[in-house]
Amino acid sequence: MHITHLRNATVLLEFSCQGRPVGLLVDPMLAPRGTLPALRYLGKGRERNPIVDLPPGTDEALERVTHALITHCQRGHFDHLDSAGKRFLRERQIPVICMPRDAGYLAQRGLVVLPLSGPERQPFALGGHVTPVACVHGRGWIARFMEHGHGYLLELPGQPSVYLAGDTLLTPAVRDCLARLRPDVAVLPAGGARFDVGAEILMDAADMAQAAALTPGTLVVNHLQALDHCPTTREAVRALAQQGGWDHRLWVPEDGERRRFLPTDTAVCY
């Protein structure tokens, strides 16, 4: 399996299903830099989003897309499916895998929808099995305004198991997935996102250290340095991993970076 990190939560998983190449695009935010609203309203850190361009090679990567997977997309969560992402999926009639809650919303926007059956482990449209894992995208009063969504554990024949966490805090459900289901690769959000008021709505660098203690697999960290309300830097995560001695199991990709992951959990950088 190859994983290409494009920007923020947008990644491309590439693998083979019954001898056919599959390109699974996760949470496409494809808008040009600075064309989406700011997510902070006070202070000097406020910028229009995304705060970085899509990386070189994005067009070539998108040509390899055959399917899409959405963790959440309602209540204004443009950072996981924006207008440009919808247009891309609609124009190319890319089948979109999602939870039942999002199926109607996506179908109304002209997308080809392949809804999962619910929150239980189930056969996956691309082979193997998928297990949805509920997200908690903030606690307290701020949680009332958030779309919590689901992450997904993908178990595909002949491929490393991959947990795509989605937007979530380090909850008991996430801990259980890491410790009990033991994915070979866990793609986790470490941006430490927060608005001008309220608590964090996303994991941060310190949560990555806790996650590393729960699973022997590789941690892939995203949600970094792409949105104005995510203060965690790549350098902060790498430094903490080095201090804790788990940096050999960490990949903090630059935008556009691609790696190959084997079932043995060995990664090769391309």
C-alpha atoms as a PDB file:
ATOM      1  CA  MET A   1       0.000   0.000   0.000  1.00  0.00           C
ATOM      2  CA  HIS A   2       1.119   3.537  -0.795  1.00  0.00           C
ATOM      3  CA  ILE A   3      -0.055   6.524   1.217  1.00  0.00           C
ATOM      4  CA  THR A   4       0.279  10.022  -0.208  1.00  0.00           C
ATOM      5  CA  HIS A   5      -0.343  12.942   2.120  1.00  0.00           C
ATOM      6  CA  LEU A   6      -1.706  15.878   0.144  1.00  0.00           C
ATOM      7  CA  ARG A   7      -2.720  18.472   2.757  1.00  0.00           C
ATOM      8  CA  ASN A   8      -4.441  18.565   6.167  1.00  0.00           C
ATOM      9  CA  ALA A   9      -6.719  15.466   6.262  1.00  0.00           C
ATOM     10  CA  THR A  10      -6.585  14.744   2.521  1.00  0.00           C
ATOM     11  CA  VAL A  11      -4.683  11.541   1.805  1.00  0.00           C
ATOM     12  CA  LEU A  12      -4.606   9.013  -1.018  1.00  0.00           C
ATOM     13  CA  LEU A  13      -4.372   5.292  -0.246  1.00  0.00           C
ATOM     14  CA  GLU A  14      -3.313   3.119  -3.186  1.00  0.00           C
ATOM     15  CA  PHE A  15      -3.543  -0.660  -3.219  1.00  0.00           C
ATOM     16  CA  SER A  16      -4.728  -3.555  -5.358  1.00  0.00           C
ATOM     17  CA  CYS A  17      -8.181  -5.156  -5.168  1.00  0.00           C
ATOM     18  CA  GLN A  18      -8.659  -8.379  -7.132  1.00  0.00           C
ATOM     19  CA  GLY A  19      -5.798  -7.390  -9.381  1.00  0.00           C
ATOM     20  CA  ARG A  20      -7.181  -3.915 -10.080  1.00  0.00           C
ATOM     21  CA  PRO A  21      -5.482  -0.711  -8.846  1.00  0.00           C
ATOM     22  CA  VAL A  22      -7.511   1.278  -6.321  1.00  0.00           C
ATOM     23  CA  GLY A  23      -6.907   4.892  -5.379  1.00  0.00           C
ATOM     24  CA  LEU A  24      -8.925   5.762  -2.265  1.00  0.00           C
ATOM     25  CA  LEU A  25      -9.087   9.513  -1.687  1.00  0.00           C
ATOM     26  CA  VAL A  26      -9.889  10.482   1.909  1.00  0.00           C
ATOM     27  CA  ASP A  27     -11.609  13.776   2.813  1.00  0.00           C
ATOM     28  CA  PRO A  28     -10.731  15.897  -0.227  1.00  0.00           C
ATOM     29  CA  MET A  29     -10.120  19.579   0.490  1.00  0.00           C
ATOM     30  CA  LEU A  30      -8.919  20.765  -2.922  1.00  0.00           C
ATOM     31  CA  ALA A  31      -9.492  24.535  -2.796  1.00  0.00           C
ATOM     32  CA  PRO A  32      -6.633  26.895  -3.676  1.00  0.00           C
ATOM     33  CA  ARG A  33      -4.814  28.624  -0.844  1.00  0.00           C
ATOM     34  CA  GLY A  34      -6.752  31.380   0.899  1.00  0.00           C
ATOM     35  CA  THR A  35     -10.102  30.800  -0.830  1.00  0.00           C
ATOM     36  CA  LEU A  36     -11.985  29.422   2.190  1.00  0.00           C
ATOM     37  CA  PRO A  37     -13.057  31.241   5.383  1.00  0.00           C
ATOM     38  CA  ALA A  38     -10.853  31.665   8.432  1.00  0.00           C
ATOM     39  CA  LEU A  39     -11.662  29.454  11.415  1.00  0.00           C
ATOM     40  CA  ARG A  40     -10.346  31.959  13.944  1.00  0.00           C
ATOM     41  CA  TYR A  41     -11.815  35.400  14.404  1.00  0.00           C
ATOM     42  CA  LEU A  42      -9.591  37.010  17.026  1.00  0.00           C
ATOM     43  CA  GLY A  43      -5.857  37.464  17.326  1.00  0.00           C
ATOM     44  CA  LYS A  44      -2.980  37.772  14.899  1.00  0.00           C
ATOM     45  CA  GLY A  45      -3.100  34.120  13.805  1.00  0.00           C
ATOM     46  CA  ARG A  46      -6.260  34.587  11.767  1.00  0.00           C
ATOM     47  CA  GLU A  47      -5.864  33.709   8.075  1.00  0.00           C
ATOM     48  CA  ARG A  48      -8.103  32.588   5.261  1.00  0.00           C
ATOM     49  CA  ASN A  49      -7.880  28.863   4.617  1.00  0.00           C
ATOM     50  CA  PRO A  50      -6.174  26.755   3.505  1.00  0.00           C
ATOM     51  CA  ILE A  51      -3.011  28.541   4.576  1.00  0.00           C
ATOM     52  CA  VAL A  52      -0.866  26.502   2.147  1.00  0.00           C
ATOM     53  CA  ASP A  53      -1.204  25.515  -1.505  1.00  0.00           C
ATOM     54  CA  LEU A  54      -1.776  21.981  -2.674  1.00  0.00           C
ATOM     55  CA  PRO A  55       1.659  20.428  -3.262  1.00  0.00           C
ATOM     56  CA  PRO A  56       3.308  19.749  -6.622  1.00  0.00           C
ATOM     57  CA  GLY A  57       2.170  16.404  -7.981  1.00  0.00           C
ATOM     58  CA  THR A  58      -1.426  16.762  -6.752  1.00  0.00           C
ATOM     59  CA  ASP A  59      -2.907  16.614 -10.264  1.00  0.00           C
ATOM     60  CA  GLU A  60      -1.028  13.397 -11.000  1.00  0.00           C
ATOM     61  CA  ALA A  61      -2.160  11.871  -7.698  1.00  0.00           C
ATOM     62  CA  LEU A  62      -5.799  12.800  -8.375  1.00  0.00           C
ATOM     63  CA  GLU A  63      -5.622  11.023 -11.740  1.00  0.00           C
ATOM     64  CA  ARG A  64      -5.133   7.792  -9.794  1.00  0.00           C
ATOM     65  CA  VAL A  65      -8.311   8.213  -7.711  1.00  0.00           C
ATOM     66  CA  THR A  66     -10.962   5.514  -8.205  1.00  0.00           C
ATOM     67  CA  HIS A  67     -12.964   5.871  -4.957  1.00  0.00           C
ATOM     68  CA  ALA A  68     -13.381   8.304  -2.073  1.00  0.00           C
ATOM     69  CA  LEU A  69     -13.937   7.901   1.659  1.00  0.00           C
ATOM     70  CA  ILE A  70     -15.530  10.613   3.801  1.00  0.00           C
ATOM     71  CA  THR A  71     -15.217  10.811   7.589  1.00  0.00           C
ATOM     72  CA  HIS A  72     -17.622  13.760   8.011  1.00  0.00           C
ATOM     73  CA  CYS A  73     -18.804  16.601   5.828  1.00  0.00           C
ATOM     74  CA  GLN A  74     -21.770  18.482   7.314  1.00  0.00           C
ATOM     75  CA  ARG A  75     -22.111  21.564   9.544  1.00  0.00           C
ATOM     76  CA  GLY A  76     -19.568  23.530   7.566  1.00  0.00           C
ATOM     77  CA  HIS A  77     -16.658  21.088   7.770  1.00  0.00           C
ATOM     78  CA  PHE A  78     -15.146  22.247   4.486  1.00  0.00           C
ATOM     79  CA  ASP A  79     -11.716  21.073   5.601  1.00  0.00           C
ATOM     80  CA  HIS A  80     -12.856  17.488   4.907  1.00  0.00           C
ATOM     81  CA  LEU A  81     -14.973  18.060   1.814  1.00  0.00           C
ATOM     82  CA  ASP A  82     -15.004  21.482   0.192  1.00  0.00           C
ATOM     83  CA  SER A  83     -16.707  22.725  -2.979  1.00  0.00           C
ATOM     84  CA  ALA A  84     -13.668  21.888  -5.102  1.00  0.00           C
ATOM     85  CA  GLY A  85     -13.614  18.370  -3.653  1.00  0.00           C
ATOM     86  CA  LYS A  86     -17.322  17.892  -4.376  1.00  0.00           C
ATOM     87  CA  ARG A  87     -16.856  19.150  -7.921  1.00  0.00           C
ATOM     88  CA  PHE A  88     -13.956  16.752  -8.499  1.00  0.00           C
ATOM     89  CA  LEU A  89     -15.958  13.776  -7.220  1.00  0.00           C
ATOM     90  CA  ARG A  90     -19.104  14.774  -9.103  1.00  0.00           C
ATOM     91  CA  GLU A  91     -17.488  15.491 -12.463  1.00  0.00           C
ATOM     92  CA  ARG A  92     -15.584  12.209 -12.429  1.00  0.00           C
ATOM     93  CA  GLN A  93     -18.464  10.235 -10.892  1.00  0.00           C
ATOM     94  CA  ILE A  94     -16.142   8.829  -8.238  1.00  0.00           C
ATOM     95  CA  PRO A  95     -17.967   6.387  -5.912  1.00  0.00           C
ATOM     96  CA  VAL A  96     -18.000   7.884  -2.398  1.00  0.00           C
ATOM     97  CA  ILE A  97     -18.003   5.611   0.657  1.00  0.00           C
ATOM     98  CA  CYS A  98     -19.521   7.172   3.763  1.00  0.00           C
ATOM     99  CA  MET A  99     -21.616   6.595   6.854  1.00  0.00           C
ATOM    100  CA  PRO A 100     -25.434   6.458   6.444  1.00  0.00           C
ATOM    101  CA  ARG A 101     -25.837   9.878   8.074  1.00  0.00           C
ATOM    102  CA  ASP A 102     -23.930  11.562   5.241  1.00  0.00           C
ATOM    103  CA  ALA A 103     -25.417   9.564   2.351  1.00  0.00           C
ATOM    104  CA  GLY A 104     -28.401  11.837   1.677  1.00  0.00           C
ATOM    105  CA  TYR A 105     -26.339  15.008   2.031  1.00  0.00           C
ATOM    106  CA  LEU A 106     -23.822  13.766  -0.536  1.00  0.00           C
ATOM    107  CA  ALA A 107     -26.426  12.378  -2.935  1.00  0.00           C
ATOM    108  CA  GLN A 108     -28.217  15.740  -2.975  1.00  0.00           C
ATOM    109  CA  ARG A 109     -24.982  17.256  -4.275  1.00  0.00           C
ATOM    110  CA  GLY A 110     -24.846  14.856  -7.200  1.00  0.00           C
ATOM    111  CA  LEU A 111     -22.289  12.424  -5.839  1.00  0.00           C
ATOM    112  CA  VAL A 112     -22.319   8.659  -6.370  1.00  0.00           C
ATOM    113  CA  VAL A 113     -22.800   7.342  -2.837  1.00  0.00           C
ATOM    114  CA  LEU A 114     -21.882   3.923  -1.408  1.00  0.00           C
ATOM    115  CA  PRO A 115     -23.096   4.123   2.201  1.00  0.00           C
ATOM    116  CA  LEU A 116     -21.861   1.693   4.813  1.00  0.00           C
ATOM    117  CA  SER A 117     -24.493  -0.309   6.667  1.00  0.00           C
ATOM    118  CA  GLY A 118     -23.835   1.225  10.084  1.00  0.00           C
ATOM    119  CA  PRO A 119     -21.268   1.379  12.894  1.00  0.00           C
ATOM    120  CA  GLU A 120     -20.448  -2.350  13.055  1.00  0.00           C
ATOM    121  CA  ARG A 121     -17.532  -4.204  11.405  1.00  0.00           C
ATOM    122  CA  GLN A 122     -18.673  -5.124   7.906  1.00  0.00           C
ATOM    123  CA  PRO A 123     -17.468  -6.210   4.464  1.00  0.00           C
ATOM    124  CA  PHE A 124     -15.788  -3.360   2.613  1.00  0.00           C
ATOM    125  CA  ALA A 125     -16.696  -2.411  -0.950  1.00  0.00           C
ATOM    126  CA  LEU A 126     -13.026  -2.697  -1.927  1.00  0.00           C
ATOM    127  CA  GLY A 127     -12.408  -6.061  -0.283  1.00  0.00           C
ATOM    128  CA  GLY A 128     -11.730  -7.123   3.292  1.00  0.00           C
ATOM    129  CA  HIS A 129     -13.548  -5.373   6.132  1.00  0.00           C
ATOM    130  CA  VAL A 130     -14.119  -1.898   7.517  1.00  0.00           C
ATOM    131  CA  THR A 131     -14.854  -0.990  11.135  1.00  0.00           C
ATOM    132  CA  PRO A 132     -16.216   2.523  11.766  1.00  0.00           C
ATOM    133  CA  VAL A 133     -14.889   4.128  14.964  1.00  0.00           C
ATOM    134  CA  ALA A 134     -16.939   6.993  16.391  1.00  0.00           C
ATOM    135  CA  CYS A 135     -15.224  10.384  16.649  1.00  0.00           C
ATOM    136  CA  VAL A 136     -15.612  12.954  19.430  1.00  0.00           C
ATOM    137  CA  HIS A 137     -14.771  16.275  17.782  1.00  0.00           C
ATOM    138  CA  GLY A 138     -14.772  18.391  20.937  1.00  0.00           C
ATOM    139  CA  ARG A 139     -16.385  18.282  24.385  1.00  0.00           C
ATOM    140  CA  GLY A 140     -18.607  20.584  26.403  1.00  0.00           C
ATOM    141  CA  TRP A 141     -20.653  23.327  24.822  1.00  0.00           C
ATOM    142  CA  ILE A 142     -18.463  23.526  21.722  1.00  0.00           C
ATOM    143  CA  ALA A 143     -19.349  19.921  20.888  1.00  0.00           C
ATOM    144  CA  ARG A 144     -22.928  20.970  20.175  1.00  0.00           C
ATOM    145  CA  PHE A 145     -21.735  22.854  17.103  1.00  0.00           C
ATOM    146  CA  MET A 146     -19.462  20.127  15.733  1.00  0.00           C
ATOM    147  CA  GLU A 147     -20.011  17.266  13.310  1.00  0.00           C
ATOM    148  CA  HIS A 148     -18.444  14.290  15.054  1.00  0.00           C
ATOM    149  CA  GLY A 149     -18.336  11.714  12.263  1.00  0.00           C
ATOM    150  CA  HIS A 150     -16.430   8.437  12.191  1.00  0.00           C
ATOM    151  CA  GLY A 151     -12.953   7.166  11.553  1.00  0.00           C
ATOM    152  CA  TYR A 152     -12.378   3.825   9.835  1.00  0.00           C
ATOM    153  CA  LEU A 153     -10.218   0.762  10.398  1.00  0.00           C
ATOM    154  CA  LEU A 154      -9.536  -0.848   7.008  1.00  0.00           C
ATOM    155  CA  GLU A 155      -8.493  -4.503   6.923  1.00  0.00           C
ATOM    156  CA  LEU A 156      -7.699  -5.380   3.324  1.00  0.00           C
ATOM    157  CA  PRO A 157      -6.354  -8.693   1.972  1.00  0.00           C
ATOM    158  CA  GLY A 158      -2.589  -8.665   1.604  1.00  0.00           C
ATOM    159  CA  GLN A 159      -2.314  -5.080   2.872  1.00  0.00           C
ATOM    160  CA  PRO A 160      -1.334  -3.521   6.201  1.00  0.00           C
ATOM    161  CA  SER A 161      -4.349  -2.644   8.321  1.00  0.00           C
ATOM    162  CA  VAL A 162      -4.925   1.128   8.365  1.00  0.00           C
ATOM    163  CA  TYR A 163      -6.849   3.203  10.910  1.00  0.00           C
ATOM    164  CA  LEU A 164      -7.975   6.581   9.575  1.00  0.00           C
ATOM    165  CA  ALA A 165      -9.024   8.363  12.748  1.00  0.00           C
ATOM    166  CA  GLY A 166     -10.882  11.367  11.313  1.00  0.00           C
ATOM    167  CA  ASP A 167     -11.424  14.452  13.462  1.00  0.00           C
ATOM    168  CA  THR A 168     -11.395  13.279  17.061  1.00  0.00           C
ATOM    169  CA  LEU A 169      -9.961  13.613  20.513  1.00  0.00           C
ATOM    170  CA  LEU A 170      -8.125  10.676  22.084  1.00  0.00           C
ATOM    171  CA  THR A 171     -11.280   8.973  23.352  1.00  0.00           C
ATOM    172  CA  PRO A 172     -11.836   5.516  24.881  1.00  0.00           C
ATOM    173  CA  ALA A 173     -13.060   4.319  21.456  1.00  0.00           C
ATOM    174  CA  VAL A 174      -9.877   5.539  19.782  1.00  0.00           C
ATOM    175  CA  ARG A 175      -7.737   4.030  22.539  1.00  0.00           C
ATOM    176  CA  ASP A 176      -9.550   0.708  22.148  1.00  0.00           C
ATOM    177  CA  CYS A 177      -8.970   0.676  18.406  1.00  0.00           C
ATOM    178  CA  LEU A 178      -5.263   1.313  18.863  1.00  0.00           C
ATOM    179  CA  ALA A 179      -4.706  -1.088  21.771  1.00  0.00           C
ATOM    180  CA  ARG A 180      -7.071  -3.953  20.956  1.00  0.00           C
ATOM    181  CA  LEU A 181      -7.358  -3.902  17.163  1.00  0.00           C
ATOM    182  CA  ARG A 182      -3.689  -2.903  16.756  1.00  0.00           C
ATOM    183  CA  PRO A 183      -3.633  -1.385  13.268  1.00  0.00           C
ATOM    184  CA  ASP A 184      -0.366  -1.632  11.382  1.00  0.00           C
ATOM    185  CA  VAL A 185      -0.714   2.031  10.450  1.00  0.00           C
ATOM    186  CA  ALA A 186      -2.731   4.690  12.312  1.00  0.00           C
ATOM    187  CA  VAL A 187      -3.370   8.046  10.630  1.00  0.00           C
ATOM    188  CA  LEU A 188      -4.098  10.440  13.495  1.00  0.00           C
ATOM    189  CA  PRO A 189      -4.908  14.171  13.691  1.00  0.00           C
ATOM    190  CA  ALA A 190      -2.429  16.110  15.807  1.00  0.00           C
ATOM    191  CA  GLY A 191      -3.289  19.702  14.940  1.00  0.00           C
ATOM    192  CA  GLY A 192      -4.534  20.629  18.413  1.00  0.00           C
ATOM    193  CA  ALA A 193      -7.318  22.577  16.703  1.00  0.00           C
ATOM    194  CA  ARG A 194      -9.317  25.058  18.723  1.00  0.00           C
ATOM    195  CA  PHE A 195     -11.420  28.119  18.094  1.00  0.00           C
ATOM    196  CA  ASP A 196     -11.043  31.460  19.857  1.00  0.00           C
ATOM    197  CA  VAL A 197     -13.051  30.125  22.809  1.00  0.00           C
ATOM    198  CA  GLY A 198     -13.587  26.630  24.156  1.00  0.00           C
ATOM    199  CA  ALA A 199     -11.298  23.644  24.543  1.00  0.00           C
ATOM    200  CA  GLU A 200      -9.353  21.729  21.908  1.00  0.00           C
ATOM    201  CA  ILE A 201     -11.430  19.836  19.340  1.00  0.00           C
ATOM    202  CA  LEU A 202      -8.609  17.643  18.052  1.00  0.00           C
ATOM    203  CA  MET A 203      -5.677  15.643  19.357  1.00  0.00           C
ATOM    204  CA  ASP A 204      -2.321  17.366  19.743  1.00  0.00           C
ATOM    205  CA  ALA A 205       1.347  16.355  19.971  1.00  0.00           C
ATOM    206  CA  ALA A 206       1.016  15.131  23.584  1.00  0.00           C
ATOM    207  CA  ASP A 207      -1.838  12.843  22.536  1.00  0.00           C
ATOM    208  CA  MET A 208       0.449  11.317  19.897  1.00  0.00           C
ATOM    209  CA  ALA A 209       2.792  10.241  22.692  1.00  0.00           C
ATOM    210  CA  GLN A 210      -0.100   8.530  24.457  1.00  0.00           C
ATOM    211  CA  ALA A 211      -1.176   6.883  21.196  1.00  0.00           C
ATOM    212  CA  ALA A 212       2.358   5.593  20.645  1.00  0.00           C
ATOM    213  CA  ALA A 213       2.211   3.867  24.031  1.00  0.00           C
ATOM    214  CA  LEU A 214      -1.012   2.092  23.047  1.00  0.00           C
ATOM    215  CA  THR A 215      -0.008   0.524  19.748  1.00  0.00           C
ATOM    216  CA  PRO A 216       3.165  -1.016  18.273  1.00  0.00           C
ATOM    217  CA  GLY A 217       2.241   0.167  14.787  1.00  0.00           C
ATOM    218  CA  THR A 218       3.329   3.161  12.746  1.00  0.00           C
ATOM    219  CA  LEU A 219       1.770   6.537  13.502  1.00  0.00           C
ATOM    220  CA  VAL A 220       1.109   8.881  10.589  1.00  0.00           C
ATOM    221  CA  VAL A 221       0.275  12.395  11.736  1.00  0.00           C
ATOM    222  CA  ASN A 222      -1.823  14.898   9.786  1.00  0.00           C
ATOM    223  CA  HIS A 223      -3.860  18.109  10.301  1.00  0.00           C
ATOM    224  CA  LEU A 224      -0.619  20.061  10.583  1.00  0.00           C
ATOM    225  CA  GLN A 225       0.153  23.561   9.303  1.00  0.00           C
ATOM    226  CA  ALA A 226      -2.678  23.750   6.770  1.00  0.00           C
ATOM    227  CA  LEU A 227      -5.502  25.531   8.663  1.00  0.00           C
ATOM    228  CA  ASP A 228      -5.377  28.674  10.772  1.00  0.00           C
ATOM    229  CA  HIS A 229      -6.877  27.051  13.882  1.00  0.00           C
ATOM    230  CA  CYS A 230      -4.377  24.144  14.092  1.00  0.00           C
ATOM    231  CA  PRO A 231      -1.318  25.434  15.994  1.00  0.00           C
ATOM    232  CA  THR A 232       0.692  22.191  16.308  1.00  0.00           C
ATOM    233  CA  THR A 233       3.791  22.083  14.091  1.00  0.00           C
ATOM    234  CA  ARG A 234       5.550  19.161  12.474  1.00  0.00           C
ATOM    235  CA  GLU A 235       8.676  20.029  14.418  1.00  0.00           C
ATOM    236  CA  ALA A 236       6.829  19.791  17.740  1.00  0.00           C
ATOM    237  CA  VAL A 237       5.562  16.284  17.009  1.00  0.00           C
ATOM    238  CA  ARG A 238       8.937  15.073  15.777  1.00  0.00           C
ATOM    239  CA  ALA A 239      10.722  16.519  18.807  1.00  0.00           C
ATOM    240  CA  LEU A 240       8.335  14.858  21.247  1.00  0.00           C
ATOM    241  CA  ALA A 241       8.722  11.525  19.477  1.00  0.00           C
ATOM    242  CA  GLN A 242      12.484  11.775  19.619  1.00  0.00           C
ATOM    243  CA  GLN A 243      12.359  12.548  23.333  1.00  0.00           C
ATOM    244  CA  GLY A 244      10.046   9.597  23.951  1.00  0.00           C
ATOM    245  CA  GLY A 245      11.949   7.126  21.799  1.00  0.00           C
ATOM    246  CA  TRP A 246       9.127   6.355  19.365  1.00  0.00           C
ATOM    247  CA  ASP A 247      10.354   8.447  16.456  1.00  0.00           C
ATOM    248  CA  HIS A 248      11.228   5.241  14.536  1.00  0.00           C
ATOM    249  CA  ARG A 249       7.469   4.507  14.406  1.00  0.00           C
ATOM    250  CA  LEU A 250       6.453   8.001  13.371  1.00  0.00           C
ATOM    251  CA  TRP A 251       5.874   9.542   9.971  1.00  0.00           C
ATOM    252  CA  VAL A 252       5.098  13.263   9.918  1.00  0.00           C
ATOM    253  CA  PRO A 253       4.700  13.769   6.174  1.00  0.00           C
ATOM    254  CA  GLU A 254       5.343  16.941   4.288  1.00  0.00           C
ATOM    255  CA  ASP A 255       2.570  17.896   1.886  1.00  0.00           C
ATOM    256  CA  GLY A 256       2.920  15.757  -1.236  1.00  0.00           C
ATOM    257  CA  GLU A 257       5.105  13.113   0.420  1.00  0.00           C
ATOM    258  CA  ARG A 258       4.426   9.456  -0.427  1.00  0.00           C
ATOM    259  CA  ARG A 259       5.385   6.231   1.349  1.00  0.00           C
ATOM    260  CA  ARG A 260       4.945   2.546   0.764  1.00  0.00           C
ATOM    261  CA  PHE A 261       3.709   0.470   3.705  1.00  0.00           C
ATOM    262  CA  LEU A 262       4.131  -3.285   3.778  1.00  0.00           C
ATOM    263  CA  PRO A 263       2.073  -5.743   5.858  1.00  0.00           C
ATOM    264  CA  THR A 264       5.143  -6.123   8.067  1.00  0.00           C
ATOM    265  CA  ASP A 265       4.774  -2.400   8.887  1.00  0.00           C
ATOM    266  CA  THR A 266       7.973  -1.456   7.098  1.00  0.00           C
ATOM    267  CA  ALA A 267       7.785   1.930   5.359  1.00  0.00           C
ATOM    268  CA  VAL A 268       9.796   2.951   2.301  1.00  0.00           C
ATOM    269  CA  CYS A 269       9.914   6.625   1.302  1.00  0.00           C
ATOM    270  CA  TYR A 270       9.416   7.538  -2.385  1.00  0.00           C
END
